[in-house]
Every structure is written in C-alpha cells, then in structure tokens.
Amino acid sequence: MTKLKLGALVDEKPVRLTLELPAGVHRDLVTYAEILSRETGQPNEPAKLIAPMLARFMATDRAFAKARRRHS
C-alpha cells in the first residue's frame, strides 16, 4: 500500500476560487484522487484535493512557518 501525504478529507465550508492548472498538473491531480479513493474507500473529487495539498505543503514548509511567526 502507498503512503500518501493526504488522508481522508474533512468537509468544511469552502471559499470559492477560480484558477487555471497546467494540463500535466491536472492529470496528476486526477491520478492522485483515484489512488486516494482506493486507499480510503471514499470517492474523491480532484478539485477538492487542492486545498488539503496546499495546507499540507504550507504546514511542512519550515521557511514559511518561520516567516509566519515573525509576521504575527
């Protein structure tokens, strides 16, 4: 079994954004959603993965955490 960085998604009230993704990033996002669905047993819409992925990225970015502490 693959160990993905994301687990089951939490359903929260969203803020709507419109963005464009390169085609390759979208293909990878679709593939990631398929793999995550198999692992968690829950259907996952690729677009709904973007927010948790960004959150995970920012949570593990040490330079961002340091800058955010200085900014607060």
C-alpha atoms as a PDB file:
ATOM      1  CA  MET A   1       0.000   0.000   0.000  1.00  0.00           C
ATOM      2  CA  THR A   2       1.197   3.502  -0.868  1.00  0.00           C
ATOM      3  CA  LYS A   3       1.658   6.010   1.959  1.00  0.00           C
ATOM      4  CA  LEU A   4       0.151   9.252   0.656  1.00  0.00           C
ATOM      5  CA  LYS A   5       0.630  12.554   2.476  1.00  0.00           C
ATOM      6  CA  LEU A   6      -3.123  13.192   2.472  1.00  0.00           C
ATOM      7  CA  GLY A   7      -5.687  11.153   4.339  1.00  0.00           C
ATOM      8  CA  ALA A   8      -9.462  11.350   4.334  1.00  0.00           C
ATOM      9  CA  LEU A   9     -10.726  14.847   3.592  1.00  0.00           C
ATOM     10  CA  VAL A  10     -12.558  16.987   6.145  1.00  0.00           C
ATOM     11  CA  ASP A  11     -15.706  18.661   4.842  1.00  0.00           C
ATOM     12  CA  GLU A  12     -15.506  22.384   5.641  1.00  0.00           C
ATOM     13  CA  LYS A  13     -17.292  25.454   4.353  1.00  0.00           C
ATOM     14  CA  PRO A  14     -15.331  26.397   1.236  1.00  0.00           C
ATOM     15  CA  VAL A  15     -14.219  29.719  -0.192  1.00  0.00           C
ATOM     16  CA  ARG A  16     -14.636  29.730  -3.977  1.00  0.00           C
ATOM     17  CA  LEU A  17     -11.560  30.377  -6.119  1.00  0.00           C
ATOM     18  CA  THR A  18     -11.093  30.084  -9.846  1.00  0.00           C
ATOM     19  CA  LEU A  19      -7.694  29.039 -11.118  1.00  0.00           C
ATOM     20  CA  GLU A  20      -6.014  27.512 -14.126  1.00  0.00           C
ATOM     21  CA  LEU A  21      -3.766  24.480 -13.821  1.00  0.00           C
ATOM     22  CA  PRO A  22      -1.292  23.163 -16.354  1.00  0.00           C
ATOM     23  CA  ALA A  23      -2.659  20.024 -18.036  1.00  0.00           C
ATOM     24  CA  GLY A  24       0.067  17.840 -16.516  1.00  0.00           C
ATOM     25  CA  VAL A  25      -0.744  19.025 -13.000  1.00  0.00           C
ATOM     26  CA  HIS A  26      -4.428  18.282 -13.602  1.00  0.00           C
ATOM     27  CA  ARG A  27      -3.628  14.767 -14.847  1.00  0.00           C
ATOM     28  CA  ASP A  28      -1.522  14.142 -11.747  1.00  0.00           C
ATOM     29  CA  LEU A  29      -4.292  15.502  -9.536  1.00  0.00           C
ATOM     30  CA  VAL A  30      -6.816  13.123 -11.142  1.00  0.00           C
ATOM     31  CA  THR A  31      -4.423  10.197 -10.642  1.00  0.00           C
ATOM     32  CA  TYR A  32      -3.801  11.198  -7.018  1.00  0.00           C
ATOM     33  CA  ALA A  33      -7.568  11.358  -6.388  1.00  0.00           C
ATOM     34  CA  GLU A  34      -8.004   7.865  -7.852  1.00  0.00           C
ATOM     35  CA  ILE A  35      -5.239   6.403  -5.680  1.00  0.00           C
ATOM     36  CA  LEU A  36      -6.528   8.183  -2.562  1.00  0.00           C
ATOM     37  CA  SER A  37     -10.047   6.883  -3.273  1.00  0.00           C
ATOM     38  CA  ARG A  38      -8.742   3.319  -3.420  1.00  0.00           C
ATOM     39  CA  GLU A  39      -6.817   3.759  -0.165  1.00  0.00           C
ATOM     40  CA  THR A  40      -9.557   5.481   1.846  1.00  0.00           C
ATOM     41  CA  GLY A  41     -12.590   3.825   0.278  1.00  0.00           C
ATOM     42  CA  GLN A  42     -14.124   7.289  -0.228  1.00  0.00           C
ATOM     43  CA  PRO A  43     -14.716   8.920  -3.594  1.00  0.00           C
ATOM     44  CA  ASN A  44     -12.519  11.997  -4.044  1.00  0.00           C
ATOM     45  CA  GLU A  45     -13.063  14.821  -6.491  1.00  0.00           C
ATOM     46  CA  PRO A  46      -9.684  16.040  -7.795  1.00  0.00           C
ATOM     47  CA  ALA A  47     -10.526  19.723  -7.254  1.00  0.00           C
ATOM     48  CA  LYS A  48     -11.239  19.046  -3.573  1.00  0.00           C
ATOM     49  CA  LEU A  49      -7.666  17.829  -3.082  1.00  0.00           C
ATOM     50  CA  ILE A  50      -6.093  21.188  -3.884  1.00  0.00           C
ATOM     51  CA  ALA A  51      -6.857  22.856  -0.534  1.00  0.00           C
ATOM     52  CA  PRO A  52      -5.599  19.972   1.657  1.00  0.00           C
ATOM     53  CA  MET A  53      -2.499  19.684  -0.529  1.00  0.00           C
ATOM     54  CA  LEU A  54      -1.753  23.383  -0.160  1.00  0.00           C
ATOM     55  CA  ALA A  55      -2.413  23.212   3.578  1.00  0.00           C
ATOM     56  CA  ARG A  56      -0.072  20.226   3.925  1.00  0.00           C
ATOM     57  CA  PHE A  57       2.588  21.971   1.855  1.00  0.00           C
ATOM     58  CA  MET A  58       2.420  25.134   3.976  1.00  0.00           C
ATOM     59  CA  ALA A  59       2.338  23.156   7.234  1.00  0.00           C
ATOM     60  CA  THR A  60       5.579  21.381   6.344  1.00  0.00           C
ATOM     61  CA  ASP A  61       7.419  24.396   4.879  1.00  0.00           C
ATOM     62  CA  ARG A  62       9.860  25.429   7.604  1.00  0.00           C
ATOM     63  CA  ALA A  63      10.751  28.739   5.970  1.00  0.00           C
ATOM     64  CA  PHE A  64       7.066  29.657   5.755  1.00  0.00           C
ATOM     65  CA  ALA A  65       6.473  28.726   9.407  1.00  0.00           C
ATOM     66  CA  LYS A  66       9.432  30.850  10.482  1.00  0.00           C
ATOM     67  CA  ALA A  67       8.298  33.825   8.384  1.00  0.00           C
ATOM     68  CA  ARG A  68       4.724  33.477   9.649  1.00  0.00           C
ATOM     69  CA  ARG A  69       5.918  33.557  13.276  1.00  0.00           C
ATOM     70  CA  ARG A  70       7.913  36.719  12.531  1.00  0.00           C
ATOM     71  CA  HIS A  71       4.920  38.273  10.768  1.00  0.00           C
ATOM     72  CA  SER A  72       2.475  37.622  13.631  1.00  0.00           C
END
